[in-house]
N, C-alpha and C. Protein backbone atom coordinates (compact mmCIF):
# COMPACT_ATOMS: atom_id res chain seq x y z
N UNK A 1 -13.28 0.88 19.68
CA UNK A 1 -11.95 1.19 19.26
C UNK A 1 -11.81 2.72 19.28
N UNK A 2 -10.64 3.20 19.57
CA UNK A 2 -10.47 4.59 19.66
C UNK A 2 -9.98 5.00 18.26
N UNK A 3 -9.97 6.42 18.03
CA UNK A 3 -9.50 6.93 16.82
C UNK A 3 -7.96 6.67 16.62
N UNK A 4 -7.28 6.61 17.76
CA UNK A 4 -5.83 6.34 17.68
C UNK A 4 -5.55 4.98 17.06
N UNK A 5 -6.37 4.00 17.44
CA UNK A 5 -6.07 2.61 16.95
C UNK A 5 -6.41 2.56 15.50
N UNK A 6 -7.47 3.26 15.13
CA UNK A 6 -7.78 3.29 13.62
C UNK A 6 -6.72 4.01 12.91
N UNK A 7 -6.16 5.05 13.43
CA UNK A 7 -4.98 5.75 12.76
C UNK A 7 -3.81 4.82 12.51
N UNK A 8 -3.54 3.89 13.56
CA UNK A 8 -2.51 3.02 13.43
C UNK A 8 -2.82 1.97 12.30
N UNK A 9 -4.07 1.52 12.38
CA UNK A 9 -4.46 0.46 11.34
C UNK A 9 -4.38 1.13 9.90
N UNK A 10 -4.80 2.32 9.76
CA UNK A 10 -4.71 2.95 8.43
C UNK A 10 -3.27 3.04 8.01
N UNK A 11 -2.45 3.54 8.87
CA UNK A 11 -1.03 3.67 8.52
C UNK A 11 -0.43 2.36 8.11
N UNK A 12 -0.72 1.31 8.91
CA UNK A 12 -0.13 -0.01 8.57
C UNK A 12 -0.75 -0.58 7.40
N UNK A 13 -2.04 -0.37 7.11
CA UNK A 13 -2.68 -0.91 5.88
C UNK A 13 -2.03 -0.31 4.57
N UNK A 14 -1.68 0.96 4.70
CA UNK A 14 -1.02 1.65 3.57
C UNK A 14 0.31 0.98 3.29
N UNK A 15 1.05 0.78 4.38
CA UNK A 15 2.31 0.13 4.26
C UNK A 15 2.33 -1.30 3.75
N UNK A 16 1.31 -2.02 4.24
CA UNK A 16 1.16 -3.39 3.80
C UNK A 16 0.83 -3.51 2.38
N UNK A 17 0.04 -2.54 1.88
CA UNK A 17 -0.30 -2.47 0.44
C UNK A 17 0.96 -2.23 -0.45
N UNK A 18 1.78 -1.37 0.05
CA UNK A 18 3.01 -1.10 -0.65
C UNK A 18 3.98 -2.28 -0.58
N UNK A 19 4.08 -2.91 0.55
CA UNK A 19 4.91 -4.06 0.66
C UNK A 19 4.42 -5.26 -0.16
N UNK A 20 3.14 -5.41 -0.29
CA UNK A 20 2.64 -6.48 -1.15
C UNK A 20 2.97 -6.29 -2.53
N UNK A 21 2.84 -5.02 -3.00
CA UNK A 21 3.28 -4.67 -4.40
C UNK A 21 4.71 -4.95 -4.57
N UNK A 22 5.52 -4.64 -3.57
CA UNK A 22 7.02 -4.83 -3.71
C UNK A 22 7.22 -6.36 -3.70
N UNK A 23 6.65 -7.16 -2.79
CA UNK A 23 6.95 -8.61 -2.71
C UNK A 23 6.53 -9.40 -4.00
N UNK A 24 5.32 -8.96 -4.56
CA UNK A 24 4.79 -9.82 -5.61
C UNK A 24 4.99 -9.18 -6.97
N UNK A 25 5.68 -8.03 -7.06
CA UNK A 25 5.95 -7.39 -8.37
C UNK A 25 7.43 -7.09 -8.55
N UNK A 26 7.93 -6.16 -7.77
CA UNK A 26 9.29 -5.69 -8.05
C UNK A 26 10.32 -6.66 -7.51
N UNK A 27 10.06 -7.55 -6.52
CA UNK A 27 11.04 -8.45 -6.21
C UNK A 27 11.20 -9.58 -7.13
N UNK A 28 10.23 -9.72 -8.01
CA UNK A 28 10.15 -10.72 -9.09
C UNK A 28 11.39 -10.48 -9.99
N UNK A 29 11.89 -9.36 -10.09
CA UNK A 29 13.02 -9.00 -10.97
C UNK A 29 14.24 -9.79 -10.58
N UNK A 30 14.45 -9.93 -9.25
CA UNK A 30 15.57 -10.72 -8.81
C UNK A 30 15.51 -12.16 -9.12
N UNK A 31 14.33 -12.70 -9.06
CA UNK A 31 14.18 -14.21 -9.45
C UNK A 31 14.35 -14.34 -11.00
N UNK A 32 13.64 -13.50 -11.68
CA UNK A 32 13.79 -13.59 -13.21
C UNK A 32 15.15 -13.29 -13.74
N UNK A 33 15.90 -12.45 -13.06
CA UNK A 33 17.32 -12.08 -13.45
C UNK A 33 18.28 -13.06 -12.91
N UNK A 34 17.84 -13.99 -12.08
CA UNK A 34 18.67 -14.98 -11.37
C UNK A 34 19.74 -14.30 -10.57
N UNK A 35 19.45 -13.22 -9.81
CA UNK A 35 20.35 -12.51 -8.97
C UNK A 35 19.63 -12.31 -7.65
N UNK A 36 19.37 -13.43 -6.93
CA UNK A 36 18.55 -13.34 -5.72
C UNK A 36 19.35 -12.72 -4.49
N UNK A 37 20.64 -12.60 -4.62
CA UNK A 37 21.39 -11.95 -3.60
C UNK A 37 20.96 -10.42 -3.47
N UNK A 38 20.57 -9.82 -4.53
CA UNK A 38 20.09 -8.44 -4.51
C UNK A 38 18.89 -8.33 -3.63
N UNK A 39 18.08 -9.25 -3.56
CA UNK A 39 16.91 -9.28 -2.64
C UNK A 39 17.35 -9.37 -1.22
N UNK A 40 18.42 -9.95 -0.95
CA UNK A 40 19.08 -10.03 0.42
C UNK A 40 19.44 -8.66 0.84
N UNK A 41 20.04 -7.89 -0.06
CA UNK A 41 20.40 -6.52 0.33
C UNK A 41 19.17 -5.65 0.55
N UNK A 42 18.10 -5.82 -0.18
CA UNK A 42 16.90 -5.07 -0.04
C UNK A 42 16.26 -5.33 1.34
N UNK A 43 16.19 -6.63 1.70
CA UNK A 43 15.53 -7.07 2.97
C UNK A 43 16.38 -6.61 4.14
N UNK A 44 17.75 -6.81 3.99
CA UNK A 44 18.65 -6.48 5.10
C UNK A 44 18.61 -4.95 5.29
N UNK A 45 18.61 -4.11 4.26
CA UNK A 45 18.59 -2.69 4.43
C UNK A 45 17.34 -2.22 5.16
N UNK A 46 16.24 -2.73 4.68
CA UNK A 46 14.93 -2.33 5.29
C UNK A 46 14.82 -2.82 6.71
N UNK A 47 15.43 -3.94 7.07
CA UNK A 47 15.45 -4.44 8.48
C UNK A 47 16.30 -3.47 9.30
N UNK A 48 17.38 -2.99 8.85
CA UNK A 48 18.25 -2.04 9.58
C UNK A 48 17.46 -0.67 9.79
N UNK A 49 16.86 -0.26 8.72
CA UNK A 49 16.03 0.98 8.77
C UNK A 49 14.86 0.83 9.86
N UNK A 50 14.22 -0.28 9.80
CA UNK A 50 13.12 -0.56 10.79
C UNK A 50 13.64 -0.57 12.18
N UNK A 51 14.76 -1.21 12.42
CA UNK A 51 15.35 -1.33 13.80
C UNK A 51 15.73 0.02 14.33
N UNK A 52 16.50 0.77 13.50
CA UNK A 52 16.94 2.11 13.96
C UNK A 52 15.74 2.98 14.20
N UNK A 53 14.83 3.12 13.34
CA UNK A 53 13.59 3.93 13.55
C UNK A 53 12.79 3.50 14.78
N UNK A 54 12.70 2.18 14.94
CA UNK A 54 11.94 1.67 16.13
C UNK A 54 12.68 2.17 17.37
N UNK A 55 13.97 2.14 17.42
CA UNK A 55 14.76 2.59 18.61
C UNK A 55 14.50 4.14 18.89
N UNK A 56 14.33 4.83 17.79
CA UNK A 56 14.12 6.29 17.87
C UNK A 56 12.65 6.63 18.18
N UNK A 57 11.79 6.08 17.44
CA UNK A 57 10.39 6.47 17.46
C UNK A 57 9.51 5.83 18.56
N UNK A 58 9.79 4.60 18.93
CA UNK A 58 8.92 3.98 19.93
C UNK A 58 9.00 4.64 21.26
N UNK A 59 10.17 4.97 21.79
CA UNK A 59 10.14 5.72 23.06
C UNK A 59 9.42 7.07 23.09
N UNK A 60 9.38 7.75 21.99
CA UNK A 60 8.71 9.02 21.81
C UNK A 60 7.28 8.93 21.56
N UNK A 61 6.90 8.13 20.63
CA UNK A 61 5.54 8.11 20.10
C UNK A 61 4.70 6.71 20.32
N UNK A 62 5.39 5.72 20.84
CA UNK A 62 4.76 4.50 21.15
C UNK A 62 4.43 3.66 19.91
N UNK A 63 3.13 3.11 19.91
CA UNK A 63 2.67 2.23 18.95
C UNK A 63 2.70 2.92 17.54
N UNK A 64 2.29 4.19 17.48
CA UNK A 64 2.25 4.90 16.20
C UNK A 64 3.65 5.08 15.70
N UNK A 65 4.67 5.22 16.51
CA UNK A 65 6.02 5.39 16.03
C UNK A 65 6.48 4.01 15.36
N UNK A 66 6.07 2.91 16.01
CA UNK A 66 6.39 1.69 15.33
C UNK A 66 5.73 1.51 14.06
N UNK A 67 4.54 1.92 13.89
CA UNK A 67 3.82 1.88 12.57
C UNK A 67 4.51 2.73 11.55
N UNK A 68 4.93 3.93 11.96
CA UNK A 68 5.69 4.75 10.99
C UNK A 68 7.07 4.26 10.62
N UNK A 69 7.68 3.61 11.53
CA UNK A 69 8.92 3.00 11.27
C UNK A 69 8.80 1.87 10.30
N UNK A 70 7.74 1.10 10.46
CA UNK A 70 7.50 -0.01 9.53
C UNK A 70 7.19 0.51 8.08
N UNK A 71 6.42 1.64 8.00
CA UNK A 71 6.09 2.29 6.73
C UNK A 71 7.43 2.69 6.05
N UNK A 72 8.26 3.39 6.82
CA UNK A 72 9.60 3.79 6.31
C UNK A 72 10.41 2.67 5.79
N UNK A 73 10.43 1.55 6.59
CA UNK A 73 11.16 0.37 6.13
C UNK A 73 10.63 -0.19 4.91
N UNK A 74 9.29 -0.23 4.75
CA UNK A 74 8.67 -0.72 3.49
C UNK A 74 9.04 0.17 2.35
N UNK A 75 9.01 1.46 2.60
CA UNK A 75 9.37 2.43 1.52
C UNK A 75 10.82 2.24 1.05
N UNK A 76 11.71 2.01 2.04
CA UNK A 76 13.09 1.77 1.65
C UNK A 76 13.23 0.51 0.78
N UNK A 77 12.47 -0.53 1.25
CA UNK A 77 12.50 -1.88 0.51
C UNK A 77 11.95 -1.67 -0.84
N UNK A 78 10.92 -0.93 -1.03
CA UNK A 78 10.31 -0.70 -2.34
C UNK A 78 11.26 0.02 -3.17
N UNK A 79 11.86 1.17 -2.70
CA UNK A 79 12.83 1.96 -3.50
C UNK A 79 13.97 1.09 -3.91
N UNK A 80 14.56 0.35 -2.96
CA UNK A 80 15.67 -0.49 -3.32
C UNK A 80 15.34 -1.61 -4.32
N UNK A 81 14.20 -2.16 -4.13
CA UNK A 81 13.76 -3.24 -5.13
C UNK A 81 13.59 -2.67 -6.52
N UNK A 82 13.08 -1.45 -6.61
CA UNK A 82 12.94 -0.85 -7.97
C UNK A 82 14.28 -0.60 -8.54
N UNK A 83 15.18 0.09 -7.73
CA UNK A 83 16.49 0.43 -8.27
C UNK A 83 17.40 -0.68 -8.50
N UNK A 84 17.52 -1.59 -7.50
CA UNK A 84 18.46 -2.76 -7.74
C UNK A 84 17.86 -3.75 -8.61
N UNK A 85 16.51 -3.95 -8.60
CA UNK A 85 15.84 -4.92 -9.45
C UNK A 85 16.01 -4.55 -10.92
N UNK A 86 16.11 -3.31 -11.33
CA UNK A 86 16.25 -2.94 -12.73
C UNK A 86 17.63 -3.47 -13.19
N UNK A 87 18.60 -3.57 -12.35
CA UNK A 87 19.91 -4.08 -12.80
C UNK A 87 19.83 -5.61 -13.14
N UNK A 88 18.96 -6.23 -12.40
CA UNK A 88 18.83 -7.69 -12.60
C UNK A 88 17.92 -7.98 -13.81
N UNK A 89 16.70 -7.39 -13.82
CA UNK A 89 15.76 -7.62 -14.86
C UNK A 89 14.72 -6.51 -14.82
N UNK A 90 14.47 -5.89 -15.99
CA UNK A 90 13.54 -4.78 -15.97
C UNK A 90 12.13 -5.23 -16.00
N UNK A 91 11.42 -4.92 -15.03
CA UNK A 91 9.93 -5.27 -14.88
C UNK A 91 9.24 -3.95 -15.12
N UNK A 92 8.31 -4.03 -16.20
CA UNK A 92 7.54 -2.78 -16.59
C UNK A 92 6.45 -2.47 -15.57
N UNK A 93 6.23 -1.22 -15.36
CA UNK A 93 5.19 -0.70 -14.40
C UNK A 93 4.20 0.02 -15.22
N UNK A 94 2.93 -0.27 -14.90
CA UNK A 94 1.80 0.47 -15.46
C UNK A 94 1.57 1.69 -14.59
N UNK A 95 2.14 2.85 -14.97
CA UNK A 95 2.04 4.00 -14.15
C UNK A 95 0.65 4.56 -14.02
N UNK A 96 -0.12 4.44 -15.09
CA UNK A 96 -1.42 4.89 -15.05
C UNK A 96 -2.28 4.09 -14.02
N UNK A 97 -2.19 2.82 -14.14
CA UNK A 97 -2.93 1.98 -13.20
C UNK A 97 -2.49 2.15 -11.73
N UNK A 98 -1.15 2.37 -11.56
CA UNK A 98 -0.67 2.63 -10.17
C UNK A 98 -1.20 3.93 -9.70
N UNK A 99 -1.28 4.96 -10.55
CA UNK A 99 -1.85 6.23 -10.22
C UNK A 99 -3.32 6.19 -9.87
N UNK A 100 -4.04 5.37 -10.62
CA UNK A 100 -5.46 5.14 -10.27
C UNK A 100 -5.70 4.51 -8.96
N UNK A 101 -4.92 3.50 -8.61
CA UNK A 101 -5.06 2.90 -7.29
C UNK A 101 -4.71 3.83 -6.19
N UNK A 102 -3.60 4.59 -6.48
CA UNK A 102 -3.26 5.56 -5.43
C UNK A 102 -4.29 6.62 -5.21
N UNK A 103 -4.94 7.04 -6.38
CA UNK A 103 -6.09 8.01 -6.22
C UNK A 103 -7.24 7.39 -5.44
N UNK A 104 -7.59 6.13 -5.68
CA UNK A 104 -8.66 5.43 -4.94
C UNK A 104 -8.22 5.28 -3.57
N UNK A 105 -7.07 5.01 -3.16
CA UNK A 105 -6.55 4.88 -1.81
C UNK A 105 -6.70 6.29 -1.12
N UNK A 106 -6.34 7.33 -1.85
CA UNK A 106 -6.48 8.72 -1.25
C UNK A 106 -7.97 9.02 -0.94
N UNK A 107 -8.81 8.60 -1.81
CA UNK A 107 -10.26 8.80 -1.63
C UNK A 107 -10.70 8.04 -0.35
N UNK A 108 -10.18 6.93 -0.23
CA UNK A 108 -10.54 6.07 1.03
C UNK A 108 -10.10 6.73 2.25
N UNK A 109 -8.88 7.26 2.26
CA UNK A 109 -8.29 7.91 3.47
C UNK A 109 -9.05 9.15 3.79
N UNK A 110 -9.38 9.96 2.76
CA UNK A 110 -10.13 11.17 2.95
C UNK A 110 -11.51 10.88 3.55
N UNK A 111 -12.21 9.85 2.92
CA UNK A 111 -13.50 9.60 3.43
C UNK A 111 -13.47 8.93 4.85
N UNK A 112 -12.43 8.17 5.14
CA UNK A 112 -12.34 7.58 6.45
C UNK A 112 -12.26 8.68 7.54
N UNK A 113 -11.51 9.66 7.27
CA UNK A 113 -11.42 10.77 8.23
C UNK A 113 -12.67 11.67 8.31
N UNK A 114 -13.48 11.59 7.25
CA UNK A 114 -14.75 12.36 7.28
C UNK A 114 -15.89 11.60 7.93
N UNK A 115 -15.77 10.29 7.98
CA UNK A 115 -16.82 9.53 8.63
C UNK A 115 -16.77 9.71 10.11
N UNK A 116 -17.89 9.72 10.77
CA UNK A 116 -17.92 9.82 12.20
C UNK A 116 -17.38 8.52 12.84
N UNK A 117 -16.52 8.63 13.79
CA UNK A 117 -16.02 7.37 14.45
C UNK A 117 -16.92 7.02 15.63
N UNK A 118 -17.09 5.76 15.73
CA UNK A 118 -17.98 5.20 16.74
C UNK A 118 -17.23 4.07 17.50
N UNK A 119 -17.84 3.76 18.60
CA UNK A 119 -17.24 2.83 19.50
C UNK A 119 -17.87 1.44 19.39
N UNK A 120 -19.10 1.36 18.79
CA UNK A 120 -19.84 0.13 18.76
C UNK A 120 -19.40 -0.76 17.54
N UNK A 121 -19.72 -2.00 17.70
CA UNK A 121 -19.40 -2.88 16.58
C UNK A 121 -20.09 -2.53 15.27
N UNK A 122 -21.37 -2.03 15.36
CA UNK A 122 -22.17 -1.69 14.21
C UNK A 122 -21.61 -0.42 13.53
N UNK A 123 -21.09 0.51 14.32
CA UNK A 123 -20.54 1.76 13.71
C UNK A 123 -19.15 1.48 13.00
N UNK A 124 -18.41 0.52 13.59
CA UNK A 124 -17.18 0.14 12.97
C UNK A 124 -17.45 -0.66 11.67
N UNK A 125 -18.39 -1.59 11.81
CA UNK A 125 -18.81 -2.36 10.49
C UNK A 125 -19.35 -1.35 9.48
N UNK A 126 -20.12 -0.34 9.85
CA UNK A 126 -20.52 0.66 8.87
C UNK A 126 -19.43 1.39 8.27
N UNK A 127 -18.41 1.74 9.08
CA UNK A 127 -17.27 2.50 8.51
C UNK A 127 -16.49 1.66 7.45
N UNK A 128 -16.26 0.41 7.85
CA UNK A 128 -15.49 -0.52 7.03
C UNK A 128 -16.27 -0.73 5.72
N UNK A 129 -17.64 -0.91 5.84
CA UNK A 129 -18.45 -1.06 4.62
C UNK A 129 -18.34 0.12 3.74
N UNK A 130 -18.41 1.28 4.30
CA UNK A 130 -18.38 2.55 3.53
C UNK A 130 -16.98 2.67 2.85
N UNK A 131 -15.92 2.32 3.51
CA UNK A 131 -14.60 2.46 2.95
C UNK A 131 -14.43 1.50 1.88
N UNK A 132 -14.85 0.26 1.97
CA UNK A 132 -14.76 -0.76 0.88
C UNK A 132 -15.56 -0.30 -0.30
N UNK A 133 -16.82 0.15 -0.11
CA UNK A 133 -17.60 0.60 -1.21
C UNK A 133 -16.98 1.80 -1.92
N UNK A 134 -16.43 2.74 -1.14
CA UNK A 134 -15.75 3.95 -1.78
C UNK A 134 -14.58 3.42 -2.69
N UNK A 135 -13.70 2.56 -2.10
CA UNK A 135 -12.58 2.08 -2.84
C UNK A 135 -13.01 1.36 -4.03
N UNK A 136 -14.01 0.44 -4.01
CA UNK A 136 -14.41 -0.30 -5.20
C UNK A 136 -15.06 0.65 -6.19
N UNK A 137 -15.87 1.59 -5.73
CA UNK A 137 -16.55 2.55 -6.68
C UNK A 137 -15.46 3.41 -7.39
N UNK A 138 -14.53 3.88 -6.65
CA UNK A 138 -13.57 4.69 -7.22
C UNK A 138 -12.73 3.86 -8.31
N UNK A 139 -12.39 2.74 -7.98
CA UNK A 139 -11.63 1.92 -8.96
C UNK A 139 -12.50 1.51 -10.20
N UNK A 140 -13.73 1.32 -10.00
CA UNK A 140 -14.69 1.00 -11.01
C UNK A 140 -14.79 2.24 -11.95
N UNK A 141 -14.98 3.36 -11.32
CA UNK A 141 -15.02 4.60 -12.16
C UNK A 141 -13.73 4.92 -12.89
N UNK A 142 -12.68 4.54 -12.29
CA UNK A 142 -11.32 4.80 -13.04
C UNK A 142 -11.00 3.60 -13.99
N UNK A 143 -11.81 2.59 -14.02
CA UNK A 143 -11.65 1.43 -14.94
C UNK A 143 -10.29 0.76 -14.81
N UNK A 144 -9.94 0.45 -13.58
CA UNK A 144 -8.61 -0.13 -13.45
C UNK A 144 -8.77 -1.70 -13.49
N UNK A 145 -9.38 -2.24 -12.47
CA UNK A 145 -9.37 -3.78 -12.46
C UNK A 145 -10.48 -4.46 -13.22
N UNK A 146 -11.64 -3.75 -13.31
CA UNK A 146 -12.79 -4.38 -13.88
C UNK A 146 -13.00 -4.18 -15.32
N UNK A 147 -12.07 -3.60 -16.04
CA UNK A 147 -12.24 -3.17 -17.38
C UNK A 147 -12.60 -4.40 -18.25
N UNK A 148 -12.01 -5.55 -18.05
CA UNK A 148 -12.21 -6.72 -18.98
C UNK A 148 -13.30 -7.58 -18.41
N UNK A 149 -13.58 -7.53 -17.14
CA UNK A 149 -14.64 -8.29 -16.47
C UNK A 149 -15.97 -7.72 -16.76
N UNK A 150 -16.13 -6.43 -16.95
CA UNK A 150 -17.38 -5.78 -17.14
C UNK A 150 -17.34 -4.93 -18.47
N UNK A 151 -17.46 -5.65 -19.58
CA UNK A 151 -17.29 -4.96 -20.90
C UNK A 151 -18.35 -3.88 -21.08
N UNK A 152 -19.52 -3.98 -20.34
CA UNK A 152 -20.57 -2.98 -20.60
C UNK A 152 -20.22 -1.63 -20.01
N UNK A 153 -19.29 -1.64 -19.15
CA UNK A 153 -18.73 -0.34 -18.47
C UNK A 153 -17.88 0.40 -19.54
N UNK A 154 -17.46 -0.29 -20.54
CA UNK A 154 -16.45 0.36 -21.52
C UNK A 154 -17.19 0.76 -22.78
N UNK A 155 -18.51 0.52 -22.90
CA UNK A 155 -19.16 0.89 -24.17
C UNK A 155 -19.11 2.34 -24.41
N UNK A 156 -18.71 2.64 -25.64
CA UNK A 156 -18.62 4.05 -26.06
C UNK A 156 -17.36 4.71 -25.63
N UNK A 157 -16.46 4.07 -24.99
CA UNK A 157 -15.16 4.60 -24.53
C UNK A 157 -13.98 3.92 -25.32
N UNK A 158 -12.96 4.73 -25.49
CA UNK A 158 -11.79 4.18 -26.13
C UNK A 158 -10.78 3.66 -25.10
N UNK A 159 -10.03 2.73 -25.39
CA UNK A 159 -9.03 2.23 -24.40
C UNK A 159 -7.92 3.27 -24.30
């Protein structure tokens, strides 16, 4: 695989992560508030943004333009879900935890670009293994997801 393909994969994986948070967290406000038509506006708006940006970016930059158009559409959907969802039902957000996950993701992206890129299956498997280990280690050090599963990691520390 070339570096270009990996760049597209990284861009899309960041967007998919944000969209999953949107779909399984912020869109819940529309169901809990029993105002599901608000979700229709969110999805419709992001579809329009995706279509327009695809028309502009794909002829200029190809596959990478499509990836960036998708990221922009996901960002619009996330922003609208947060803003419109608050009117339906306020869903609290753990800003500290979200910041820690973003910090871990930034560490992964930084390390991904520092790792030498290879063309063989073993070099790609090594890159993926390194990235997964870096992400898990960063989150473990920040005590995000494993705080209650590994109580020994919290000894001597206050919540």
